[in-house]
């Protein structure tokens, strides 16, 4: 046996599982990834990712971490038609009633479909010596010796007997529907407490033909505007010369229509006209597709007093977000990076060490998305005076983004997880927000302006 440990098992070959497998290879001689789906050879949607046909956000921090784990992945995907971009200069952002000024920010982004991103990572992972990816295998339970997890039981879905796979570490990356808490209970451990928030968000998506160079932006996002405007929309320029358009509504009666005429009419309600104009003029490639996902769930493994050794949960199995905020993939790969760092101190005590690190990754995006959802009075969840004050200030920040490129850049740095939220509270930023945070509504047809950041 080398200085490395012999074998790790990852249950789930989605973004979180693939990133975890790469991070584990620095410590283990062999990594085996199991997934219950039949994994496609290329970029194709699959049953285990029901939201895969809808637009996905890869935040600047997510692109940075993936580039660290998979050097050159941005260039590789760009060669396949994905669009590298500056997140402020090349994207139309509408947080309030008018678009943010567009200016170079240094925030590197990438617009790409979930299927293409996952296919690229899957190809890169499978090509690494020491990693084996096995599809068509369902994880059914854990092996346990009374102190630590010693492997997992898996069942081939094509036939064959359930069998044990021995491992020095098991990573649960089985997604939103994971059975991790039930597996813990079966081993005699307490289930983790769960924080749940459901804003009742409905997504309807449709692809359109994209003519490169016709638009002066690579993406456009109209964020929902709180109770006064509980709906929004996004268009992402992705590979295959497509616009992936997703319209969303928050709460009862706000869902976008799924018929083509109603879908187009819904986009006309948005404060910036460019998304509606794009949809009106571009060729549709499919019918509108509706999705209602369960609410956000954060499993508080970091608060458990007893944990089995040699088992960790990651990605949506640890915390699943409201996809409207585009945080899930970025948080998942950041957690994988933290798992690799936590392993530098060995396997003993790894779960507690990893969950503490992962909690710090999750805290900020969870507070942002939970706070955003709790701005709607009909959403159930714990509210405090602090939550109300933060939501009021964020509303001022969002209004100021339409007037001040520096505020817009700082807000994008925070929402892209490149700066802490406290950076919005510096004296200079407070001055800008208070000066610009109560704008008069601008005409809907006003275009974003290219101005220097001051």
Protein backbone atom coordinates (compact mmCIF):
# COMPACT_ATOMS: atom_id res chain seq x y z
CA UNK A 1 0.00 0.00 0.00
CA UNK A 2 1.29 3.47 -0.89
CA UNK A 3 1.16 6.50 1.36
CA UNK A 4 -2.27 7.13 -0.12
CA UNK A 5 -5.33 5.24 1.04
CA UNK A 6 -6.55 2.55 -1.28
CA UNK A 7 -10.17 3.04 -2.29
CA UNK A 8 -12.91 5.67 -2.09
CA UNK A 9 -16.47 5.27 -3.35
CA UNK A 10 -18.62 8.14 -4.61
CA UNK A 11 -22.36 7.53 -4.85
CA UNK A 12 -23.62 9.76 -7.65
CA UNK A 13 -22.03 11.00 -10.89
CA UNK A 14 -23.54 14.44 -11.02
CA UNK A 15 -21.57 17.70 -10.70
CA UNK A 16 -20.90 17.21 -6.98
CA UNK A 17 -19.89 13.57 -7.36
CA UNK A 18 -17.59 14.19 -10.31
CA UNK A 19 -15.85 17.11 -8.60
CA UNK A 20 -15.51 15.05 -5.42
CA UNK A 21 -13.98 12.14 -7.35
CA UNK A 22 -11.33 14.46 -8.78
CA UNK A 23 -10.56 15.92 -5.35
CA UNK A 24 -10.31 12.43 -3.80
CA UNK A 25 -7.71 11.29 -6.32
CA UNK A 26 -5.13 13.38 -4.48
CA UNK A 27 -5.51 11.05 -1.47
CA UNK A 28 -6.73 7.68 -2.75
CA UNK A 29 -5.18 5.18 -5.13
CA UNK A 30 -8.59 4.28 -6.58
CA UNK A 31 -11.94 6.05 -6.76
CA UNK A 32 -15.11 4.34 -7.98
CA UNK A 33 -18.14 6.44 -8.91
CA UNK A 34 -21.55 4.74 -9.07
CA UNK A 35 -24.70 6.24 -10.60
CA UNK A 36 -28.12 4.69 -11.06
CA UNK A 37 -28.70 6.37 -14.45
CA UNK A 38 -27.42 5.10 -17.77
CA UNK A 39 -24.96 7.89 -18.38
CA UNK A 40 -24.95 9.35 -21.91
CA UNK A 41 -21.78 9.40 -23.98
CA UNK A 42 -22.13 13.10 -24.70
CA UNK A 43 -24.14 16.14 -23.67
CA UNK A 44 -27.65 14.83 -23.11
CA UNK A 45 -30.25 15.28 -20.39
CA UNK A 46 -30.88 12.33 -18.09
CA UNK A 47 -33.60 11.22 -15.70
CA UNK A 48 -31.52 11.70 -12.56
CA UNK A 49 -31.24 15.43 -13.25
CA UNK A 50 -34.89 16.48 -13.78
CA UNK A 51 -33.91 20.16 -13.90
CA UNK A 52 -31.24 19.54 -16.55
CA UNK A 53 -33.29 20.97 -19.42
CA UNK A 54 -33.57 24.31 -17.65
CA UNK A 55 -30.98 27.08 -17.48
CA UNK A 56 -28.20 26.64 -14.90
CA UNK A 57 -25.91 29.28 -13.47
CA UNK A 58 -22.19 28.75 -13.02
CA UNK A 59 -21.04 31.56 -10.75
CA UNK A 60 -17.59 33.12 -11.01
CA UNK A 61 -16.46 31.17 -7.95
CA UNK A 62 -17.69 27.93 -9.50
CA UNK A 63 -15.76 28.54 -12.71
CA UNK A 64 -12.65 29.36 -10.66
CA UNK A 65 -12.86 26.15 -8.60
CA UNK A 66 -13.58 23.97 -11.63
CA UNK A 67 -10.60 25.47 -13.42
CA UNK A 68 -8.49 24.53 -10.40
CA UNK A 69 -9.80 20.95 -10.35
CA UNK A 70 -9.92 20.53 -14.15
CA UNK A 71 -7.36 22.88 -15.74
CA UNK A 72 -8.43 24.04 -19.18
CA UNK A 73 -12.09 23.07 -18.82
CA UNK A 74 -13.25 26.61 -19.74
CA UNK A 75 -11.28 26.59 -22.99
CA UNK A 76 -12.43 23.07 -23.76
CA UNK A 77 -16.09 23.98 -23.40
CA UNK A 78 -15.58 27.24 -25.29
CA UNK A 79 -14.24 25.14 -28.16
CA UNK A 80 -17.56 23.28 -28.09
CA UNK A 81 -19.61 26.47 -28.29
CA UNK A 82 -20.01 27.53 -24.66
CA UNK A 83 -19.58 31.27 -24.10
CA UNK A 84 -16.84 32.66 -21.82
CA UNK A 85 -17.79 36.11 -20.59
CA UNK A 86 -17.20 38.97 -18.21
CA UNK A 87 -20.11 38.69 -15.81
CA UNK A 88 -20.84 42.42 -15.70
CA UNK A 89 -19.76 43.60 -19.14
CA UNK A 90 -21.36 40.83 -21.19
CA UNK A 91 -24.57 40.23 -19.21
CA UNK A 92 -27.66 42.40 -18.87
CA UNK A 93 -28.53 42.37 -15.15
CA UNK A 94 -31.87 43.76 -13.99
CA UNK A 95 -32.22 43.60 -10.22
CA UNK A 96 -34.60 46.52 -9.75
CA UNK A 97 -36.55 48.48 -12.34
CA UNK A 98 -33.64 49.33 -14.62
CA UNK A 99 -30.58 47.47 -15.95
CA UNK A 100 -27.20 47.72 -14.27
CA UNK A 101 -24.51 49.67 -16.18
CA UNK A 102 -22.33 47.27 -18.13
CA UNK A 103 -18.60 47.56 -17.51
CA UNK A 104 -15.56 45.29 -17.33
CA UNK A 105 -15.49 43.66 -13.89
CA UNK A 106 -12.81 40.97 -14.06
CA UNK A 107 -15.42 38.38 -13.00
CA UNK A 108 -14.98 35.45 -15.36
CA UNK A 109 -18.08 33.47 -16.22
CA UNK A 110 -19.20 30.77 -18.64
CA UNK A 111 -22.65 30.17 -20.09
CA UNK A 112 -23.13 26.49 -20.84
CA UNK A 113 -25.93 23.96 -20.52
CA UNK A 114 -25.94 21.65 -17.53
CA UNK A 115 -25.74 18.65 -19.86
CA UNK A 116 -22.63 19.92 -21.65
CA UNK A 117 -20.87 20.90 -18.42
CA UNK A 118 -21.59 17.54 -16.84
CA UNK A 119 -20.50 15.68 -19.97
CA UNK A 120 -17.20 17.55 -20.01
CA UNK A 121 -16.49 16.80 -16.35
CA UNK A 122 -17.57 13.18 -16.77
CA UNK A 123 -15.19 12.76 -19.70
CA UNK A 124 -12.33 14.40 -17.81
CA UNK A 125 -12.93 12.29 -14.70
CA UNK A 126 -13.25 9.00 -16.57
CA UNK A 127 -9.94 9.67 -18.33
CA UNK A 128 -8.03 10.03 -15.06
CA UNK A 129 -5.96 6.97 -14.06
CA UNK A 130 -7.40 5.48 -10.91
CA UNK A 131 -11.03 6.59 -11.40
CA UNK A 132 -13.77 4.24 -12.60
CA UNK A 133 -17.29 5.46 -13.38
CA UNK A 134 -19.99 2.75 -13.32
CA UNK A 135 -23.49 3.67 -14.42
CA UNK A 136 -26.65 1.61 -13.95
CA UNK A 137 -25.80 0.87 -10.30
CA UNK A 138 -28.07 1.95 -7.47
CA UNK A 139 -26.70 2.52 -3.98
CA UNK A 140 -28.91 0.64 -1.51
CA UNK A 141 -27.14 1.06 1.83
CA UNK A 142 -23.92 1.30 3.79
CA UNK A 143 -21.55 -1.24 5.31
CA UNK A 144 -20.67 -0.51 8.94
CA UNK A 145 -18.40 -2.13 11.52
CA UNK A 146 -19.85 -0.35 14.55
CA UNK A 147 -17.51 2.63 14.36
CA UNK A 148 -16.94 3.49 10.76
CA UNK A 149 -18.48 2.97 7.35
CA UNK A 150 -16.52 0.34 5.47
CA UNK A 151 -18.23 0.53 2.09
CA UNK A 152 -21.59 0.57 0.36
CA UNK A 153 -24.04 -1.94 -1.03
CA UNK A 154 -24.95 -1.46 -4.68
CA UNK A 155 -27.38 -3.18 -7.01
CA UNK A 156 -26.88 -3.42 -10.79
CA UNK A 157 -30.11 -2.27 -12.41
CA UNK A 158 -29.51 -4.45 -15.45
CA UNK A 159 -29.74 -7.56 -13.31
CA UNK A 160 -27.48 -9.28 -10.86
CA UNK A 161 -27.29 -9.48 -7.11
CA UNK A 162 -26.83 -6.65 -4.68
CA UNK A 163 -23.26 -6.72 -3.41
CA UNK A 164 -20.89 -4.93 -1.08
CA UNK A 165 -18.16 -2.62 -2.32
CA UNK A 166 -15.46 -2.12 0.29
CA UNK A 167 -14.04 1.37 0.68
CA UNK A 168 -11.92 3.49 3.00
CA UNK A 169 -14.31 6.41 2.42
CA UNK A 170 -17.86 6.73 1.08
CA UNK A 171 -19.10 10.05 -0.33
CA UNK A 172 -22.88 10.43 -0.66
CA UNK A 173 -23.52 12.61 -3.71
CA UNK A 174 -26.94 11.15 -4.53
CA UNK A 175 -28.69 14.51 -4.79
CA UNK A 176 -31.95 15.95 -3.52
CA UNK A 177 -33.66 12.60 -3.11
CA UNK A 178 -30.81 11.05 -1.14
CA UNK A 179 -31.37 8.50 1.63
CA UNK A 180 -28.43 9.64 3.74
CA UNK A 181 -30.48 10.53 6.84
CA UNK A 182 -32.32 7.20 6.65
CA UNK A 183 -29.02 5.35 6.27
CA UNK A 184 -27.68 7.12 9.36
CA UNK A 185 -30.78 6.14 11.34
CA UNK A 186 -30.40 2.53 10.21
CA UNK A 187 -26.87 2.56 11.67
CA UNK A 188 -28.13 3.90 15.00
CA UNK A 189 -27.22 7.56 14.50
CA UNK A 190 -29.41 10.63 14.79
CA UNK A 191 -30.77 12.16 11.62
CA UNK A 192 -29.50 15.68 10.95
CA UNK A 193 -31.84 18.58 11.63
CA UNK A 194 -33.15 20.16 8.45
CA UNK A 195 -33.82 23.79 7.54
CA UNK A 196 -36.52 23.98 4.86
CA UNK A 197 -37.81 26.91 2.83
CA UNK A 198 -40.20 26.63 -0.09
CA UNK A 199 -41.01 29.74 -2.09
CA UNK A 200 -43.32 27.83 -4.44
CA UNK A 201 -41.25 28.77 -7.48
CA UNK A 202 -42.24 27.39 -10.88
CA UNK A 203 -39.89 27.37 -13.88
CA UNK A 204 -40.86 27.16 -17.53
CA UNK A 205 -38.04 26.89 -20.07
CA UNK A 206 -37.71 26.93 -23.83
CA UNK A 207 -34.75 26.93 -26.23
CA UNK A 208 -34.40 29.35 -29.15
CA UNK A 209 -32.04 29.62 -32.11
CA UNK A 210 -29.16 32.03 -31.37
CA UNK A 211 -27.46 33.94 -34.17
CA UNK A 212 -23.96 34.80 -32.87
CA UNK A 213 -23.32 38.54 -33.00
CA UNK A 214 -26.96 39.56 -33.36
CA UNK A 215 -27.20 40.62 -29.69
CA UNK A 216 -24.61 42.64 -27.82
CA UNK A 217 -24.93 40.48 -24.71
CA UNK A 218 -24.20 36.84 -23.91
CA UNK A 219 -26.92 36.52 -21.27
CA UNK A 220 -29.74 38.53 -19.75
CA UNK A 221 -31.27 38.18 -16.31
CA UNK A 222 -34.36 39.87 -14.92
CA UNK A 223 -34.33 38.93 -11.24
CA UNK A 224 -37.68 38.59 -9.44
CA UNK A 225 -38.48 41.89 -7.74
CA UNK A 226 -39.90 40.69 -4.43
CA UNK A 227 -43.61 40.82 -3.54
CA UNK A 228 -44.20 43.74 -5.92
CA UNK A 229 -42.88 41.72 -8.90
CA UNK A 230 -42.74 38.00 -8.03
CA UNK A 231 -41.53 36.86 -11.42
CA UNK A 232 -38.43 37.01 -13.56
CA UNK A 233 -36.64 35.55 -16.53
CA UNK A 234 -33.22 34.63 -17.87
CA UNK A 235 -31.66 33.86 -21.24
CA UNK A 236 -28.28 32.16 -21.55
CA UNK A 237 -26.32 31.90 -24.76
CA UNK A 238 -25.02 28.32 -24.79
CA UNK A 239 -23.41 25.76 -27.08
CA UNK A 240 -25.28 24.69 -30.18
CA UNK A 241 -26.04 28.34 -31.00
CA UNK A 242 -28.96 28.29 -28.58
CA UNK A 243 -30.60 30.63 -26.13
CA UNK A 244 -31.77 28.73 -23.07
CA UNK A 245 -34.65 30.81 -21.73
CA UNK A 246 -36.20 30.22 -18.32
CA UNK A 247 -39.13 32.23 -17.01
CA UNK A 248 -40.13 31.85 -13.36
CA UNK A 249 -42.86 32.87 -10.98
CA UNK A 250 -42.82 32.85 -7.19
CA UNK A 251 -45.94 31.84 -5.27
CA UNK A 252 -49.47 30.80 -6.09
CA UNK A 253 -50.85 32.13 -9.33
CA UNK A 254 -47.51 33.45 -10.59
CA UNK A 255 -46.35 30.49 -12.70
CA UNK A 256 -45.47 31.34 -16.32
CA UNK A 257 -47.88 29.79 -18.84
CA UNK A 258 -46.63 26.73 -20.67
CA UNK A 259 -48.42 27.49 -23.95
CA UNK A 260 -46.26 29.34 -26.50
CA UNK A 261 -48.41 32.48 -26.79
CA UNK A 262 -48.88 32.83 -23.04
CA UNK A 263 -45.19 32.16 -22.49
CA UNK A 264 -44.18 35.00 -24.78
CA UNK A 265 -46.76 37.34 -23.26
CA UNK A 266 -45.43 36.61 -19.77
CA UNK A 267 -41.96 37.86 -20.79
CA UNK A 268 -43.48 41.18 -21.87
CA UNK A 269 -44.15 41.94 -18.17
CA UNK A 270 -40.45 42.08 -17.34
CA UNK A 271 -38.96 45.53 -16.64
CA UNK A 272 -36.33 45.28 -19.40
CA UNK A 273 -37.72 44.56 -22.88
CA UNK A 274 -34.75 42.74 -24.36
CA UNK A 275 -35.67 39.24 -23.21
CA UNK A 276 -39.16 39.56 -24.64
CA UNK A 277 -37.77 40.96 -27.89
CA UNK A 278 -35.25 38.10 -28.14
CA UNK A 279 -38.02 35.51 -27.67
CA UNK A 280 -40.30 37.27 -30.14
CA UNK A 281 -37.70 37.39 -32.91
CA UNK A 282 -35.81 34.10 -32.44
CA UNK A 283 -36.82 30.69 -33.76
CA UNK A 284 -38.19 28.38 -31.03
CA UNK A 285 -36.51 24.98 -30.93
CA UNK A 286 -38.90 23.11 -28.65
CA UNK A 287 -42.07 23.52 -26.61
CA UNK A 288 -42.06 25.26 -23.21
CA UNK A 289 -41.17 22.83 -20.38
CA UNK A 290 -42.58 23.28 -16.87
CA UNK A 291 -40.82 22.32 -13.64
CA UNK A 292 -41.83 22.65 -10.00
CA UNK A 293 -38.95 21.62 -7.75
CA UNK A 294 -39.20 20.97 -4.02
CA UNK A 295 -38.07 23.74 -1.72
CA UNK A 296 -34.57 24.38 -0.42
CA UNK A 297 -33.26 21.95 2.20
CA UNK A 298 -30.16 22.31 4.35
CA UNK A 299 -29.17 19.24 6.36
CA UNK A 300 -27.25 20.26 9.46
CA UNK A 301 -24.69 17.48 9.67
CA UNK A 302 -22.25 19.92 11.27
CA UNK A 303 -24.49 20.05 14.37
CA UNK A 304 -24.60 16.31 15.05
CA UNK A 305 -22.73 15.19 18.16
CA UNK A 306 -22.16 11.66 16.81
CA UNK A 307 -21.15 10.81 13.27
CA UNK A 308 -19.93 7.57 11.72
CA UNK A 309 -16.38 7.78 10.49
CA UNK A 310 -15.52 7.40 6.79
CA UNK A 311 -18.82 8.84 5.46
CA UNK A 312 -19.61 12.34 4.18
CA UNK A 313 -22.47 13.88 2.20
CA UNK A 314 -21.90 16.52 -0.44
CA UNK A 315 -23.78 18.67 -2.95
CA UNK A 316 -27.57 18.50 -2.89
CA UNK A 317 -27.34 15.63 -0.40
CA UNK A 318 -25.95 18.21 2.03
CA UNK A 319 -27.80 21.34 0.92
CA UNK A 320 -30.12 21.85 -2.05
CA UNK A 321 -30.95 25.41 -3.08
CA UNK A 322 -33.78 27.17 -4.85
CA UNK A 323 -32.36 27.03 -8.41
CA UNK A 324 -33.59 30.57 -9.10
CA UNK A 325 -30.43 31.84 -7.40
CA UNK A 326 -28.05 29.76 -9.54
CA UNK A 327 -25.93 28.66 -6.57
CA UNK A 328 -26.14 24.86 -6.54
CA UNK A 329 -23.37 23.85 -8.93
CA UNK A 330 -20.93 26.41 -7.55
CA UNK A 331 -21.51 25.39 -3.94
CA UNK A 332 -21.18 21.71 -4.87
CA UNK A 333 -17.77 22.10 -6.49
CA UNK A 334 -16.59 24.39 -3.68
CA UNK A 335 -17.55 21.67 -1.19
CA UNK A 336 -15.57 19.13 -3.23
CA UNK A 337 -12.55 21.39 -2.99
CA UNK A 338 -13.00 21.63 0.79
CA UNK A 339 -13.23 17.85 1.02
CA UNK A 340 -9.85 17.57 -0.67
CA UNK A 341 -8.38 20.09 1.75
CA UNK A 342 -9.91 18.38 4.79
CA UNK A 343 -8.35 15.08 3.70
CA UNK A 344 -4.87 16.55 4.09
CA UNK A 345 -5.18 15.85 7.82
CA UNK A 346 -6.11 12.24 7.21
CA UNK A 347 -9.25 10.16 7.52
CA UNK A 348 -9.59 10.20 11.30
CA UNK A 349 -12.21 12.76 12.26
CA UNK A 350 -12.83 13.65 8.62
CA UNK A 351 -16.65 13.99 8.76
CA UNK A 352 -16.63 16.57 11.54
CA UNK A 353 -13.73 18.43 9.94
CA UNK A 354 -15.33 18.43 6.50
CA UNK A 355 -18.81 19.43 7.67
CA UNK A 356 -17.34 22.40 9.54
CA UNK A 357 -15.58 23.54 6.37
CA UNK A 358 -18.62 22.85 4.19
CA UNK A 359 -20.86 24.84 6.54
CA UNK A 360 -18.69 27.89 5.93
CA UNK A 361 -19.11 27.37 2.18
CA UNK A 362 -22.89 27.01 2.49
CA UNK A 363 -23.58 29.78 5.03
CA UNK A 364 -23.41 32.77 2.69
CA UNK A 365 -25.36 31.40 -0.31
CA UNK A 366 -27.94 29.87 2.05
CA UNK A 367 -28.43 33.18 3.85
CA UNK A 368 -28.78 34.97 0.51
CA UNK A 369 -31.31 32.56 -0.98
CA UNK A 370 -33.24 32.00 2.25
CA UNK A 371 -33.35 35.72 2.90
CA UNK A 372 -34.53 36.35 -0.64
CA UNK A 373 -37.30 33.75 -0.31
CA UNK A 374 -38.38 35.09 3.08
CA UNK A 375 -38.91 38.51 1.53
CA UNK A 376 -42.21 37.04 0.30
CA UNK A 377 -44.76 37.15 3.16
CA UNK A 378 -46.38 33.86 2.13
CA UNK A 379 -43.14 31.85 2.50
CA UNK A 380 -42.92 29.92 5.76
CA UNK A 381 -39.67 30.21 7.67
CA UNK A 382 -37.99 31.85 10.66
CA UNK A 383 -37.90 35.62 10.40
CA UNK A 384 -36.00 37.97 12.64
CA UNK A 385 -35.43 41.68 12.81
CA UNK A 386 -32.00 41.02 11.31
CA UNK A 387 -33.58 39.25 8.31
CA UNK A 388 -35.95 42.17 7.76
CA UNK A 389 -33.15 44.72 7.98
CA UNK A 390 -30.90 42.77 5.62
CA UNK A 391 -33.70 42.32 3.08
CA UNK A 392 -34.45 46.04 3.24
CA UNK A 393 -30.80 46.88 2.64
CA UNK A 394 -30.45 44.35 -0.19
CA UNK A 395 -33.48 45.97 -1.86
CA UNK A 396 -31.66 49.31 -1.67
CA UNK A 397 -28.51 47.71 -3.09
CA UNK A 398 -30.46 46.18 -5.97
CA UNK A 399 -32.08 49.51 -6.76
CA UNK A 400 -28.67 51.20 -6.68
CA UNK A 401 -27.22 48.69 -9.18
CA UNK A 402 -29.29 50.37 -11.89
CA UNK A 403 -27.47 53.67 -11.33
CA UNK A 404 -23.98 52.87 -10.13
CA UNK A 405 -21.58 50.49 -11.88
CA UNK A 406 -19.42 50.18 -8.76
CA UNK A 407 -22.39 49.04 -6.66
CA UNK A 408 -23.39 46.63 -9.41
CA UNK A 409 -19.88 45.18 -9.54
CA UNK A 410 -19.68 44.75 -5.77
CA UNK A 411 -23.13 43.15 -5.65
CA UNK A 412 -22.14 40.75 -8.44
CA UNK A 413 -18.90 39.93 -6.61
CA UNK A 414 -20.94 39.00 -3.53
CA UNK A 415 -23.61 37.02 -5.36
CA UNK A 416 -20.89 35.21 -7.33
CA UNK A 417 -19.28 34.23 -3.99
CA UNK A 418 -16.07 36.12 -4.73
CA UNK A 419 -16.43 38.58 -1.83
CA UNK A 420 -18.13 38.34 1.57
CA UNK A 421 -21.47 40.12 2.09
CA UNK A 422 -19.78 42.47 4.56
CA UNK A 423 -18.07 44.14 1.59
CA UNK A 424 -21.44 45.72 0.79
CA UNK A 425 -21.32 47.50 4.15
CA UNK A 426 -18.10 49.49 3.85
CA UNK A 427 -18.51 53.24 4.38
CA UNK A 428 -17.87 53.98 0.72
CA UNK A 429 -20.39 51.38 -0.43
CA UNK A 430 -23.00 52.50 2.11
CA UNK A 431 -22.69 56.03 0.78
CA UNK A 432 -23.21 54.88 -2.80
CA UNK A 433 -26.17 52.66 -1.89
CA UNK A 434 -27.93 55.31 0.18
CA UNK A 435 -27.36 57.91 -2.54
CA UNK A 436 -28.60 55.73 -5.40
CA UNK A 437 -30.89 53.21 -3.74
CA UNK A 438 -34.22 54.96 -4.29
CA UNK A 439 -34.41 55.59 -8.02
CA UNK A 440 -37.43 56.74 -9.93
CA UNK A 441 -38.59 53.97 -12.28
CA UNK A 442 -36.94 54.30 -15.67
CA UNK A 443 -38.77 53.73 -18.95
CA UNK A 444 -38.88 50.02 -19.71
CA UNK A 445 -37.22 50.47 -23.07
CA UNK A 446 -34.08 52.13 -21.69
CA UNK A 447 -31.02 50.16 -22.72
CA UNK A 448 -28.09 49.29 -20.47
CA UNK A 449 -25.23 51.72 -20.80
CA UNK A 450 -21.53 50.95 -21.06
CA UNK A 451 -19.83 53.19 -18.48
CA UNK A 452 -16.57 53.03 -16.54
CA UNK A 453 -16.60 51.83 -12.95
CA UNK A 454 -15.95 54.80 -10.68
